[in-house]
PDB file of N, CA and C in Angstrom:
ATOM      1  N   MET A   1      34.988 -43.706  44.320  1.00  0.00           N
ATOM      2  CA  MET A   1      36.289 -44.080  43.255  1.00  0.00           C
ATOM      3  C   MET A   1      35.651 -43.864  41.727  1.00  0.00           C
ATOM      4  N   ALA A   2      34.211 -43.881  41.668  1.00  0.00           N
ATOM      5  CA  ALA A   2      34.035 -43.609  40.500  1.00  0.00           C
ATOM      6  C   ALA A   2      33.741 -42.159  40.380  1.00  0.00           C
ATOM      7  N   ASN A   3      33.537 -41.072  41.198  1.00  0.00           N
ATOM      8  CA  ASN A   3      34.089 -40.072  41.242  1.00  0.00           C
ATOM      9  C   ASN A   3      35.025 -39.331  41.362  1.00  0.00           C
ATOM     10  N   ALA A   4      36.224 -40.149  41.378  1.00  0.00           N
ATOM     11  CA  ALA A   4      37.393 -39.683  41.591  1.00  0.00           C
ATOM     12  C   ALA A   4      37.842 -38.561  40.037  1.00  0.00           C
ATOM     13  N   PRO A   5      38.472 -37.716  40.119  1.00  0.00           N
ATOM     14  CA  PRO A   5      38.819 -37.482  39.142  1.00  0.00           C
ATOM     15  C   PRO A   5      40.268 -37.789  37.774  1.00  0.00           C
ATOM     16  N   ILE A   6      39.722 -37.916  36.969  1.00  0.00           N
ATOM     17  CA  ILE A   6      40.975 -38.225  36.004  1.00  0.00           C
ATOM     18  C   ILE A   6      41.995 -38.083  36.363  1.00  0.00           C
ATOM     19  N   GLU A   7      43.094 -38.744  36.529  1.00  0.00           N
ATOM     20  CA  GLU A   7      44.690 -38.662  36.735  1.00  0.00           C
ATOM     21  C   GLU A   7      45.047 -38.081  35.668  1.00  0.00           C
ATOM     22  N   ARG A   8      46.369 -36.764  35.890  1.00  0.00           N
ATOM     23  CA  ARG A   8      46.834 -36.107  34.685  1.00  0.00           C
ATOM     24  C   ARG A   8      47.539 -36.743  33.758  1.00  0.00           C
ATOM     25  N   LYS A   9      48.148 -38.185  34.363  1.00  0.00           N
ATOM     26  CA  LYS A   9      48.785 -38.981  33.336  1.00  0.00           C
ATOM     27  C   LYS A   9      48.102 -39.734  32.543  1.00  0.00           C
ATOM     28  N   VAL A  10      46.673 -40.221  32.835  1.00  0.00           N
ATOM     29  CA  VAL A  10      45.845 -40.592  31.739  1.00  0.00           C
ATOM     30  C   VAL A  10      45.733 -39.062  30.814  1.00  0.00           C
ATOM     31  N   THR A  11      45.400 -38.284  31.139  1.00  0.00           N
ATOM     32  CA  THR A  11      45.009 -37.453  30.407  1.00  0.00           C
ATOM     33  C   THR A  11      46.494 -36.820  29.284  1.00  0.00           C
ATOM     34  N   ALA A  12      47.474 -36.684  30.170  1.00  0.00           N
ATOM     35  CA  ALA A  12      48.750 -36.795  29.060  1.00  0.00           C
ATOM     36  C   ALA A  12      48.907 -37.566  27.936  1.00  0.00           C
ATOM     37  N   ALA A  13      48.900 -38.852  28.373  1.00  0.00           N
ATOM     38  CA  ALA A  13      48.963 -40.173  27.504  1.00  0.00           C
ATOM     39  C   ALA A  13      48.030 -40.099  26.381  1.00  0.00           C
ATOM     40  N   THR A  14      46.406 -39.491  26.669  1.00  0.00           N
ATOM     41  CA  THR A  14      45.685 -39.654  26.005  1.00  0.00           C
ATOM     42  C   THR A  14      45.933 -38.769  24.934  1.00  0.00           C
ATOM     43  N   ALA A  15      45.992 -37.414  25.395  1.00  0.00           N
ATOM     44  CA  ALA A  15      46.491 -36.059  24.313  1.00  0.00           C
ATOM     45  C   ALA A  15      47.593 -36.531  23.717  1.00  0.00           C
ATOM     46  N   ALA A  16      48.720 -37.283  24.094  1.00  0.00           N
ATOM     47  CA  ALA A  16      49.600 -37.356  23.357  1.00  0.00           C
ATOM     48  C   ALA A  16      49.455 -38.602  22.132  1.00  0.00           C
ATOM     49  N   ALA A  17      48.730 -39.617  22.759  1.00  0.00           N
ATOM     50  CA  ALA A  17      48.748 -40.585  21.890  1.00  0.00           C
ATOM     51  C   ALA A  17      47.600 -39.922  20.509  1.00  0.00           C
ATOM     52  N   TYR A  18      46.813 -38.915  20.280  1.00  0.00           N
ATOM     53  CA  TYR A  18      45.997 -38.487  19.820  1.00  0.00           C
ATOM     54  C   TYR A  18      46.851 -37.483  19.226  1.00  0.00           C
ATOM     55  N   VAL A  19      47.755 -36.881  19.217  1.00  0.00           N
ATOM     56  CA  VAL A  19      48.729 -35.880  18.714  1.00  0.00           C
ATOM     57  C   VAL A  19      49.745 -36.556  17.731  1.00  0.00           C
ATOM     58  N   GLY A  20      50.219 -37.408  18.785  1.00  0.00           N
ATOM     59  CA  GLY A  20      51.255 -38.587  18.065  1.00  0.00           C
ATOM     60  C   GLY A  20      50.792 -39.094  16.935  1.00  0.00           C
ATOM     61  N   SER A  21      49.391 -40.010  16.821  1.00  0.00           N
ATOM     62  CA  SER A  21      48.617 -40.507  15.680  1.00  0.00           C
ATOM     63  C   SER A  21      48.464 -39.724  14.355  1.00  0.00           C
ATOM     64  N   ALA A  22      47.708 -38.282  14.969  1.00  0.00           N
ATOM     65  CA  ALA A  22      47.407 -37.176  14.052  1.00  0.00           C
ATOM     66  C   ALA A  22      48.813 -36.787  13.246  1.00  0.00           C
ATOM     67  N   GLY A  23      50.044 -36.831  13.835  1.00  0.00           N
ATOM     68  CA  GLY A  23      51.244 -36.274  13.278  1.00  0.00           C
ATOM     69  C   GLY A  23      51.642 -37.317  12.454  1.00  0.00           C
ATOM     70  N   LEU A  24      51.860 -38.574  13.098  1.00  0.00           N
ATOM     71  CA  LEU A  24      52.152 -39.710  12.090  1.00  0.00           C
ATOM     72  C   LEU A  24      51.133 -39.836  10.596  1.00  0.00           C
ATOM     73  N   LEU A  25      49.957 -39.687  10.903  1.00  0.00           N
ATOM     74  CA  LEU A  25      49.036 -39.705   9.582  1.00  0.00           C
ATOM     75  C   LEU A  25      49.369 -38.657   8.710  1.00  0.00           C
ATOM     76  N   GLY A  26      49.732 -37.449   9.082  1.00  0.00           N
ATOM     77  CA  GLY A  26      49.743 -36.352   8.515  1.00  0.00           C
ATOM     78  C   GLY A  26      51.319 -36.119   7.793  1.00  0.00           C
ATOM     79  N   ALA A  27      52.285 -36.717   8.508  1.00  0.00           N
ATOM     80  CA  ALA A  27      53.959 -37.222   8.226  1.00  0.00           C
ATOM     81  C   ALA A  27      53.395 -38.455   6.774  1.00  0.00           C
ATOM     82  N   LEU A  28      52.925 -39.301   6.756  1.00  0.00           N
ATOM     83  CA  LEU A  28      52.455 -40.155   5.879  1.00  0.00           C
ATOM     84  C   LEU A  28      51.970 -39.760   4.719  1.00  0.00           C
ATOM     85  N   ALA A  29      50.764 -38.931   4.979  1.00  0.00           N
ATOM     86  CA  ALA A  29      50.282 -38.547   3.785  1.00  0.00           C
ATOM     87  C   ALA A  29      51.079 -37.590   2.720  1.00  0.00           C
ATOM     88  N   ALA A  30      52.038 -36.738   3.709  1.00  0.00           N
ATOM     89  CA  ALA A  30      52.988 -35.811   2.891  1.00  0.00           C
ATOM     90  C   ALA A  30      53.859 -36.637   2.167  1.00  0.00           C
ATOM     91  N   VAL A  31      54.237 -37.676   2.672  1.00  0.00           N
ATOM     92  CA  VAL A  31      55.445 -38.607   2.268  1.00  0.00           C
ATOM     93  C   VAL A  31      55.319 -39.673   1.275  1.00  0.00           C
ATOM     94  N   GLN A  32      53.635 -39.859   1.297  1.00  0.00           N
ATOM     95  CA  GLN A  32      53.256 -41.131   0.089  1.00  0.00           C
ATOM     96  C   GLN A  32      53.355 -41.155  -1.293  1.00  0.00           C
ATOM     97  N   ASP A  33      54.159 -39.994  -1.745  1.00  0.00           N
ATOM     98  CA  ASP A  33      54.510 -40.195  -3.114  1.00  0.00           C
ATOM     99  C   ASP A  33      56.037 -40.486  -2.896  1.00  0.00           C
ATOM    100  N   HIS A  34      56.626 -40.352  -1.849  1.00  0.00           N
ATOM    101  CA  HIS A  34      58.090 -40.501  -1.756  1.00  0.00           C
ATOM    102  C   HIS A  34      58.301 -41.944  -1.001  1.00  0.00           C
ATOM    103  N   GLU A  35      57.978 -43.092  -1.558  1.00  0.00           N
ATOM    104  CA  GLU A  35      57.962 -44.140  -1.047  1.00  0.00           C
ATOM    105  C   GLU A  35      59.599 -44.738  -0.525  1.00  0.00           C
ATOM    106  N   ARG A  36      60.721 -43.959  -1.067  1.00  0.00           N
ATOM    107  CA  ARG A  36      61.861 -44.199  -0.920  1.00  0.00           C
ATOM    108  C   ARG A  36      62.174 -44.005   0.645  1.00  0.00           C
ATOM    109  N   LEU A  37      61.488 -43.246   1.000  1.00  0.00           N
ATOM    110  CA  LEU A  37      61.613 -42.822   2.564  1.00  0.00           C
ATOM    111  C   LEU A  37      61.155 -44.008   3.921  1.00  0.00           C
ATOM    112  N   LEU A  38      60.744 -45.168   3.125  1.00  0.00           N
ATOM    113  CA  LEU A  38      60.251 -46.063   3.751  1.00  0.00           C
ATOM    114  C   LEU A  38      60.594 -47.624   3.369  1.00  0.00           C
ATOM    115  N   GLU A  39      61.337 -47.641   1.859  1.00  0.00           N
ATOM    116  CA  GLU A  39      61.718 -48.850   1.173  1.00  0.00           C
ATOM    117  C   GLU A  39      62.487 -49.334   1.982  1.00  0.00           C
ATOM    118  N   TRP A  40      63.590 -49.037   2.710  1.00  0.00           N
ATOM    119  CA  TRP A  40      64.461 -49.702   3.521  1.00  0.00           C
ATOM    120  C   TRP A  40      63.974 -50.773   4.536  1.00  0.00           C
ATOM    121  N   MET A  41      62.277 -50.615   4.784  1.00  0.00           N
ATOM    122  CA  MET A  41      61.895 -51.586   5.831  1.00  0.00           C
ATOM    123  C   MET A  41      60.911 -52.573   4.716  1.00  0.00           C
ATOM    124  N   PRO A  42      61.253 -53.881   5.241  1.00  0.00           N
ATOM    125  CA  PRO A  42      60.038 -54.668   4.760  1.00  0.00           C
ATOM    126  C   PRO A  42      58.677 -54.281   4.429  1.00  0.00           C
ATOM    127  N   ASP A  43      57.789 -54.676   3.580  1.00  0.00           N
ATOM    128  CA  ASP A  43      56.694 -54.291   3.780  1.00  0.00           C
ATOM    129  C   ASP A  43      55.827 -54.884   4.835  1.00  0.00           C
ATOM    130  N   GLY A  44      55.940 -56.286   5.292  1.00  0.00           N
ATOM    131  CA  GLY A  44      55.414 -56.661   6.344  1.00  0.00           C
ATOM    132  C   GLY A  44      55.554 -56.042   7.566  1.00  0.00           C
ATOM    133  N   LEU A  45      56.832 -55.316   7.885  1.00  0.00           N
ATOM    134  CA  LEU A  45      57.233 -54.839   9.062  1.00  0.00           C
ATOM    135  C   LEU A  45      56.812 -53.403   8.987  1.00  0.00           C
ATOM    136  N   THR A  46      56.816 -52.550   8.422  1.00  0.00           N
ATOM    137  CA  THR A  46      56.291 -51.116   8.062  1.00  0.00           C
ATOM    138  C   THR A  46      55.290 -50.288   9.187  1.00  0.00           C
ATOM    139  N   PRO A  47      54.272 -51.213   9.206  1.00  0.00           N
ATOM    140  CA  PRO A  47      53.022 -50.961  10.115  1.00  0.00           C
ATOM    141  C   PRO A  47      53.723 -50.970  11.658  1.00  0.00           C
ATOM    142  N   PHE A  48      54.549 -52.033  11.650  1.00  0.00           N
ATOM    143  CA  PHE A  48      54.465 -52.131  13.329  1.00  0.00           C
ATOM    144  C   PHE A  48      55.573 -51.000  13.507  1.00  0.00           C
ATOM    145  N   VAL A  49      56.493 -51.031  12.938  1.00  0.00           N
ATOM    146  CA  VAL A  49      57.545 -49.903  13.155  1.00  0.00           C
ATOM    147  C   VAL A  49      57.144 -48.516  13.301  1.00  0.00           C
ATOM    148  N   LEU A  50      55.765 -47.928  12.145  1.00  0.00           N
ATOM    149  CA  LEU A  50      55.373 -46.932  12.337  1.00  0.00           C
ATOM    150  C   LEU A  50      54.493 -46.586  13.463  1.00  0.00           C
ATOM    151  N   ALA A  51      53.870 -47.596  14.107  1.00  0.00           N
ATOM    152  CA  ALA A  51      53.012 -47.703  15.226  1.00  0.00           C
ATOM    153  C   ALA A  51      54.093 -47.731  16.319  1.00  0.00           C
ATOM    154  N   LEU A  52      55.015 -47.746  16.387  1.00  0.00           N
ATOM    155  CA  LEU A  52      55.856 -47.522  17.696  1.00  0.00           C
ATOM    156  C   LEU A  52      56.209 -45.771  17.925  1.00  0.00           C
ATOM    157  N   ILE A  53      55.584 -44.983  16.759  1.00  0.00           N
ATOM    158  CA  ILE A  53      56.328 -43.695  16.608  1.00  0.00           C
ATOM    159  C   ILE A  53      54.954 -43.326  17.969  1.00  0.00           C
ATOM    160  N   PRO A  54      53.445 -43.158  17.902  1.00  0.00           N
ATOM    161  CA  PRO A  54      52.635 -42.749  19.015  1.00  0.00           C
ATOM    162  C   PRO A  54      52.837 -43.490  20.079  1.00  0.00           C
ATOM    163  N   THR A  55      53.393 -44.629  20.158  1.00  0.00           N
ATOM    164  CA  THR A  55      53.290 -45.513  21.259  1.00  0.00           C
ATOM    165  C   THR A  55      54.451 -44.942  21.998  1.00  0.00           C
ATOM    166  N   ALA A  56      55.621 -44.779  21.355  1.00  0.00           N
ATOM    167  CA  ALA A  56      56.799 -43.935  22.255  1.00  0.00           C
ATOM    168  C   ALA A  56      56.103 -42.586  22.989  1.00  0.00           C
ATOM    169  N   ILE A  57      55.464 -42.281  22.004  1.00  0.00           N
ATOM    170  CA  ILE A  57      55.244 -40.317  22.519  1.00  0.00           C
ATOM    171  C   ILE A  57      54.246 -40.575  23.717  1.00  0.00           C
ATOM    172  N   THR A  58      53.377 -41.488  23.660  1.00  0.00           N
ATOM    173  CA  THR A  58      52.532 -41.713  24.753  1.00  0.00           C
ATOM    174  C   THR A  58      52.868 -42.202  26.233  1.00  0.00           C
ATOM    175  N   ALA A  59      53.993 -43.146  26.006  1.00  0.00           N
ATOM    176  CA  ALA A  59      54.800 -43.762  27.242  1.00  0.00           C
ATOM    177  C   ALA A  59      55.478 -42.759  27.780  1.00  0.00           C
ATOM    178  N   VAL A  60      56.409 -41.660  26.834  1.00  0.00           N
ATOM    179  CA  VAL A  60      57.210 -40.928  27.364  1.00  0.00           C
ATOM    180  C   VAL A  60      56.407 -39.620  28.110  1.00  0.00           C
ATOM    181  N   SER A  61      55.079 -39.140  27.445  1.00  0.00           N
ATOM    182  CA  SER A  61      54.199 -38.353  28.344  1.00  0.00           C
ATOM    183  C   SER A  61      53.190 -39.029  29.251  1.00  0.00           C
ATOM    184  N   GLY A  62      53.127 -39.916  29.609  1.00  0.00           N
ATOM    185  CA  GLY A  62      52.799 -40.657  30.653  1.00  0.00           C
ATOM    186  C   GLY A  62      53.688 -40.870  32.135  1.00  0.00           C
ATOM    187  N   TRP A  63      54.796 -41.284  31.229  1.00  0.00           N
ATOM    188  CA  TRP A  63      56.126 -41.035  32.510  1.00  0.00           C
ATOM    189  C   TRP A  63      56.120 -40.115  32.924  1.00  0.00           C
ATOM    190  N   THR A  64      56.396 -38.698  32.506  1.00  0.00           N
ATOM    191  CA  THR A  64      56.592 -37.270  32.843  1.00  0.00           C
ATOM    192  C   THR A  64      55.662 -36.963  33.250  1.00  0.00           C
ATOM    193  N   ALA A  65      54.420 -37.161  33.159  1.00  0.00           N
ATOM    194  CA  ALA A  65      53.382 -36.095  34.151  1.00  0.00           C
ATOM    195  C   ALA A  65      53.078 -36.929  35.390  1.00  0.00           C
ATOM    196  N   LYS A  66      52.827 -35.609  36.316  1.00  0.00           N
ATOM    197  CA  LYS A  66      52.720 -36.082  37.497  1.00  0.00           C
ATOM    198  C   LYS A  66      51.419 -36.684  37.873  1.00  0.00           C
ATOM    199  N   HIS A  67      51.171 -37.428  38.949  1.00  0.00           N
ATOM    200  CA  HIS A  67      50.091 -38.214  39.459  1.00  0.00           C
ATOM    201  C   HIS A  67      49.224 -36.838  40.173  1.00  0.00           C
ATOM    202  N   THR A  68      48.123 -37.189  40.022  1.00  0.00           N
ATOM    203  CA  THR A  68      47.090 -36.606  40.721  1.00  0.00           C
ATOM    204  C   THR A  68      46.648 -36.920  41.985  1.00  0.00           C
ATOM    205  N   PRO A  69      47.007 -35.876  42.752  1.00  0.00           N
ATOM    206  CA  PRO A  69      46.899 -36.074  44.334  1.00  0.00           C
ATOM    207  C   PRO A  69      45.507 -36.666  44.837  1.00  0.00           C
ATOM    208  N   ARG A  70      45.478 -37.760  45.838  1.00  0.00           N
ATOM    209  CA  ARG A  70      44.016 -38.030  46.196  1.00  0.00           C
ATOM    210  C   ARG A  70      44.313 -38.062  47.589  1.00  0.00           C
ATOM    211  N   ASP A  71      42.966 -37.900  47.958  1.00  0.00           N
ATOM    212  CA  ASP A  71      42.760 -37.853  49.687  1.00  0.00           C
ATOM    213  C   ASP A  71      42.716 -39.452  50.166  1.00  0.00           C
ATOM    214  N   ASP A  72      42.428 -39.458  51.450  1.00  0.00           N
ATOM    215  CA  ASP A  72      42.791 -40.452  51.943  1.00  0.00           C
ATOM    216  C   ASP A  72      41.472 -41.604  51.710  1.00  0.00           C
ATOM    217  N   ALA A  73      40.276 -40.900  51.394  1.00  0.00           N
ATOM    218  CA  ALA A  73      38.706 -41.607  51.119  1.00  0.00           C
ATOM    219  C   ALA A  73      39.224 -42.444  50.112  1.00  0.00           C
ATOM    220  N   SER A  74      39.727 -41.518  49.056  1.00  0.00           N
ATOM    221  CA  SER A  74      39.943 -42.117  47.433  1.00  0.00           C
ATOM    222  C   SER A  74      40.817 -43.267  47.327  1.00  0.00           C
ATOM    223  N   ALA A  75      41.886 -42.807  48.321  1.00  0.00           N
ATOM    224  CA  ALA A  75      43.110 -43.838  48.486  1.00  0.00           C
ATOM    225  C   ALA A  75      42.837 -44.964  48.831  1.00  0.00           C
ATOM    226  N   ALA A  76      41.711 -45.054  49.985  1.00  0.00           N
ATOM    227  CA  ALA A  76      41.421 -46.360  50.841  1.00  0.00           C
ATOM    228  C   ALA A  76      39.881 -47.022  49.698  1.00  0.00           C
ATOM    229  N   GLY A  77      39.839 -46.683  48.757  1.00  0.00           N
ATOM    230  CA  GLY A  77      38.986 -47.526  48.274  1.00  0.00           C
ATOM    231  C   GLY A  77      37.524 -47.003  48.402  1.00  0.00           C
ATOM    232  N   GLY A  78      36.716 -45.907  49.094  1.00  0.00           N
ATOM    233  CA  GLY A  78      35.913 -45.266  49.175  1.00  0.00           C
ATOM    234  C   GLY A  78      35.378 -44.885  50.427  1.00  0.00           C
TER     235      GLY A  78
END
């Protein structure tokens, strides 16, 4: 099991988390002088709402990625 390949779902979710987070940080840097875009949210709630964006991207990518096929040895645990 230790030598089993990393599943596509894990790779897809990891890549999506990175891209989603980098995109969110880039968007925040671009709009930091335009506070009115986020002023409708209470200040304490803003980080939690913004954290949902990469979380949602990761969840969707993990959901849609196919499982990596396993042979009988790795499926049985060794």
